Amino acid sequence: MKVVFELRHDKQDKAGTVPVYVSAYFDGLRLATAERCTVTE
């Protein structure tokens, strides 16, 4: 199984949150979801 997380800083909204795209690949199938989070550095 392969899991990929992609944090998109270029799509930040006015509240300061950015989308995090999560994709999981297993036996040729893909499950994907998107959530928003606040970035802290």
PDB file of N, CA and C in Angstrom:
ATOM      1  N   MET A   1       0.847  -1.167   0.000  1.00  0.00           N
ATOM      2  CA  MET A   1       0.000   0.000   0.000  1.00  0.00           C
ATOM      3  C   MET A   1       0.898   1.236   0.000  1.00  0.00           C
ATOM      4  N   LYS A   2       0.491   2.238  -0.767  1.00  0.00           N
ATOM      5  CA  LYS A   2       1.221   3.498  -0.847  1.00  0.00           C
ATOM      6  C   LYS A   2       0.286   4.620  -0.410  1.00  0.00           C
ATOM      7  N   VAL A   3       0.760   5.486   0.487  1.00  0.00           N
ATOM      8  CA  VAL A   3      -0.027   6.618   0.967  1.00  0.00           C
ATOM      9  C   VAL A   3       0.740   7.898   0.651  1.00  0.00           C
ATOM     10  N   VAL A   4       0.053   8.859   0.036  1.00  0.00           N
ATOM     11  CA  VAL A   4       0.677  10.120  -0.371  1.00  0.00           C
ATOM     12  C   VAL A   4      -0.066  11.278   0.289  1.00  0.00           C
ATOM     13  N   PHE A   5       0.693  12.174   0.925  1.00  0.00           N
ATOM     14  CA  PHE A   5       0.144  13.393   1.525  1.00  0.00           C
ATOM     15  C   PHE A   5       0.669  14.580   0.729  1.00  0.00           C
ATOM     16  N   GLU A   6      -0.215  15.498   0.355  1.00  0.00           N
ATOM     17  CA  GLU A   6       0.204  16.681  -0.392  1.00  0.00           C
ATOM     18  C   GLU A   6      -0.367  17.918   0.284  1.00  0.00           C
ATOM     19  N   LEU A   7       0.494  18.777   0.789  1.00  0.00           N
ATOM     20  CA  LEU A   7       0.108  20.018   1.443  1.00  0.00           C
ATOM     21  C   LEU A   7       0.212  21.131   0.416  1.00  0.00           C
ATOM     22  N   ARG A   8      -0.883  21.857   0.174  1.00  0.00           N
ATOM     23  CA  ARG A   8      -0.924  22.866  -0.882  1.00  0.00           C
ATOM     24  C   ARG A   8      -0.884  24.279  -0.306  1.00  0.00           C
ATOM     25  N   HIS A   9       0.315  24.821  -0.126  1.00  0.00           N
ATOM     26  CA  HIS A   9       0.484  26.181   0.398  1.00  0.00           C
ATOM     27  C   HIS A   9      -0.057  27.228  -0.568  1.00  0.00           C
ATOM     28  N   ASP A  10      -0.110  26.907  -1.862  1.00  0.00           N
ATOM     29  CA  ASP A  10      -0.556  27.881  -2.863  1.00  0.00           C
ATOM     30  C   ASP A  10      -2.064  28.109  -2.846  1.00  0.00           C
ATOM     31  N   LYS A  11      -2.815  27.324  -2.075  1.00  0.00           N
ATOM     32  CA  LYS A  11      -4.276  27.457  -2.019  1.00  0.00           C
ATOM     33  C   LYS A  11      -4.750  27.883  -0.634  1.00  0.00           C
ATOM     34  N   GLN A  12      -3.989  28.727   0.040  1.00  0.00           N
ATOM     35  CA  GLN A  12      -4.338  29.189   1.380  1.00  0.00           C
ATOM     36  C   GLN A  12      -5.542  30.121   1.314  1.00  0.00           C
ATOM     37  N   ASP A  13      -6.503  29.933   2.225  1.00  0.00           N
ATOM     38  CA  ASP A  13      -7.684  30.789   2.251  1.00  0.00           C
ATOM     39  C   ASP A  13      -7.489  31.943   3.239  1.00  0.00           C
ATOM     40  N   LYS A  14      -8.512  32.800   3.369  1.00  0.00           N
ATOM     41  CA  LYS A  14      -8.411  33.979   4.227  1.00  0.00           C
ATOM     42  C   LYS A  14      -8.257  33.631   5.702  1.00  0.00           C
ATOM     43  N   ALA A  15      -8.735  32.468   6.106  1.00  0.00           N
ATOM     44  CA  ALA A  15      -8.621  32.028   7.498  1.00  0.00           C
ATOM     45  C   ALA A  15      -7.228  31.465   7.810  1.00  0.00           C
ATOM     46  N   GLY A  16      -6.386  31.310   6.781  1.00  0.00           N
ATOM     47  CA  GLY A  16      -5.033  30.807   6.977  1.00  0.00           C
ATOM     48  C   GLY A  16      -4.917  29.299   6.906  1.00  0.00           C
ATOM     49  N   THR A  17      -5.968  28.614   6.463  1.00  0.00           N
ATOM     50  CA  THR A  17      -5.886  27.156   6.341  1.00  0.00           C
ATOM     51  C   THR A  17      -5.528  26.765   4.910  1.00  0.00           C
ATOM     52  N   VAL A  18      -4.883  25.614   4.783  1.00  0.00           N
ATOM     53  CA  VAL A  18      -4.494  25.088   3.480  1.00  0.00           C
ATOM     54  C   VAL A  18      -5.035  23.671   3.337  1.00  0.00           C
ATOM     55  N   PRO A  19      -5.317  23.227   2.115  1.00  0.00           N
ATOM     56  CA  PRO A  19      -5.790  21.865   1.936  1.00  0.00           C
ATOM     57  C   PRO A  19      -4.658  20.845   2.025  1.00  0.00           C
ATOM     58  N   VAL A  20      -4.985  19.698   2.596  1.00  0.00           N
ATOM     59  CA  VAL A  20      -4.086  18.553   2.634  1.00  0.00           C
ATOM     60  C   VAL A  20      -4.802  17.437   1.891  1.00  0.00           C
ATOM     61  N   TYR A  21      -4.218  17.001   0.780  1.00  0.00           N
ATOM     62  CA  TYR A  21      -4.794  15.925  -0.008  1.00  0.00           C
ATOM     63  C   TYR A  21      -4.124  14.621   0.395  1.00  0.00           C
ATOM     64  N   VAL A  22      -4.922  13.606   0.699  1.00  0.00           N
ATOM     65  CA  VAL A  22      -4.404  12.299   1.093  1.00  0.00           C
ATOM     66  C   VAL A  22      -4.918  11.270   0.088  1.00  0.00           C
ATOM     67  N   SER A  23      -4.002  10.519  -0.497  1.00  0.00           N
ATOM     68  CA  SER A  23      -4.360   9.458  -1.439  1.00  0.00           C
ATOM     69  C   SER A  23      -3.723   8.159  -0.979  1.00  0.00           C
ATOM     70  N   ALA A  24      -4.505   7.083  -0.964  1.00  0.00           N
ATOM     71  CA  ALA A  24      -4.007   5.759  -0.611  1.00  0.00           C
ATOM     72  C   ALA A  24      -4.249   4.832  -1.806  1.00  0.00           C
ATOM     73  N   TYR A  25      -3.215   4.108  -2.192  1.00  0.00           N
ATOM     74  CA  TYR A  25      -3.280   3.180  -3.320  1.00  0.00           C
ATOM     75  C   TYR A  25      -3.086   1.761  -2.808  1.00  0.00           C
ATOM     76  N   PHE A  26      -4.000   0.853  -3.200  1.00  0.00           N
ATOM     77  CA  PHE A  26      -3.922  -0.546  -2.773  1.00  0.00           C
ATOM     78  C   PHE A  26      -4.539  -1.430  -3.844  1.00  0.00           C
ATOM     79  N   ASP A  27      -3.782  -2.370  -4.352  1.00  0.00           N
ATOM     80  CA  ASP A  27      -4.240  -3.304  -5.392  1.00  0.00           C
ATOM     81  C   ASP A  27      -4.896  -2.603  -6.582  1.00  0.00           C
ATOM     82  N   GLY A  28      -4.298  -1.508  -7.023  1.00  0.00           N
ATOM     83  CA  GLY A  28      -4.819  -0.797  -8.187  1.00  0.00           C
ATOM     84  C   GLY A  28      -5.996   0.117  -7.889  1.00  0.00           C
ATOM     85  N   LEU A  29      -6.433   0.189  -6.652  1.00  0.00           N
ATOM     86  CA  LEU A  29      -7.535   1.066  -6.272  1.00  0.00           C
ATOM     87  C   LEU A  29      -6.988   2.301  -5.574  1.00  0.00           C
ATOM     88  N   ARG A  30      -7.716   3.400  -5.685  1.00  0.00           N
ATOM     89  CA  ARG A  30      -7.280   4.646  -5.061  1.00  0.00           C
ATOM     90  C   ARG A  30      -8.389   5.193  -4.180  1.00  0.00           C
ATOM     91  N   LEU A  31      -8.034   5.585  -2.969  1.00  0.00           N
ATOM     92  CA  LEU A  31      -8.936   6.257  -2.051  1.00  0.00           C
ATOM     93  C   LEU A  31      -8.332   7.627  -1.787  1.00  0.00           C
ATOM     94  N   ALA A  32      -9.101   8.691  -2.004  1.00  0.00           N
ATOM     95  CA  ALA A  32      -8.574  10.042  -1.842  1.00  0.00           C
ATOM     96  C   ALA A  32      -9.532  10.869  -0.992  1.00  0.00           C
ATOM     97  N   THR A  33      -8.960  11.785  -0.232  1.00  0.00           N
ATOM     98  CA  THR A  33      -9.742  12.692   0.582  1.00  0.00           C
ATOM     99  C   THR A  33      -8.979  14.008   0.716  1.00  0.00           C
ATOM    100  N   ALA A  34      -9.662  15.042   1.110  1.00  0.00           N
ATOM    101  CA  ALA A  34      -9.025  16.352   1.314  1.00  0.00           C
ATOM    102  C   ALA A  34      -9.555  16.949   2.616  1.00  0.00           C
ATOM    103  N   GLU A  35      -8.666  17.479   3.387  1.00  0.00           N
ATOM    104  CA  GLU A  35      -9.005  18.158   4.641  1.00  0.00           C
ATOM    105  C   GLU A  35      -8.276  19.491   4.645  1.00  0.00           C
ATOM    106  N   ARG A  36      -8.683  20.387   5.527  1.00  0.00           N
ATOM    107  CA  ARG A  36      -7.999  21.671   5.651  1.00  0.00           C
ATOM    108  C   ARG A  36      -7.373  21.755   7.031  1.00  0.00           C
ATOM    109  N   CYS A  37      -6.205  22.379   7.113  1.00  0.00           N
ATOM    110  CA  CYS A  37      -5.526  22.536   8.397  1.00  0.00           C
ATOM    111  C   CYS A  37      -4.803  23.872   8.436  1.00  0.00           C
ATOM    112  N   THR A  38      -4.454  24.287   9.644  1.00  0.00           N
ATOM    113  CA  THR A  38      -3.681  25.494   9.852  1.00  0.00           C
ATOM    114  C   THR A  38      -2.203  25.129   9.844  1.00  0.00           C
ATOM    115  N   VAL A  39      -1.422  25.884   9.100  1.00  0.00           N
ATOM    116  CA  VAL A  39       0.007  25.609   8.988  1.00  0.00           C
ATOM    117  C   VAL A  39       0.742  26.335  10.105  1.00  0.00           C
ATOM    118  N   THR A  40       1.572  25.607  10.830  1.00  0.00           N
ATOM    119  CA  THR A  40       2.451  26.196  11.837  1.00  0.00           C
ATOM    120  C   THR A  40       3.871  25.799  11.491  1.00  0.00           C
ATOM    121  N   GLU A  41       4.765  26.736  11.581  1.00  0.00           N
ATOM    122  CA  GLU A  41       6.156  26.438  11.225  1.00  0.00           C
ATOM    123  C   GLU A  41       7.077  26.776  12.333  1.00  0.00           C
TER     124      GLU A  41
END
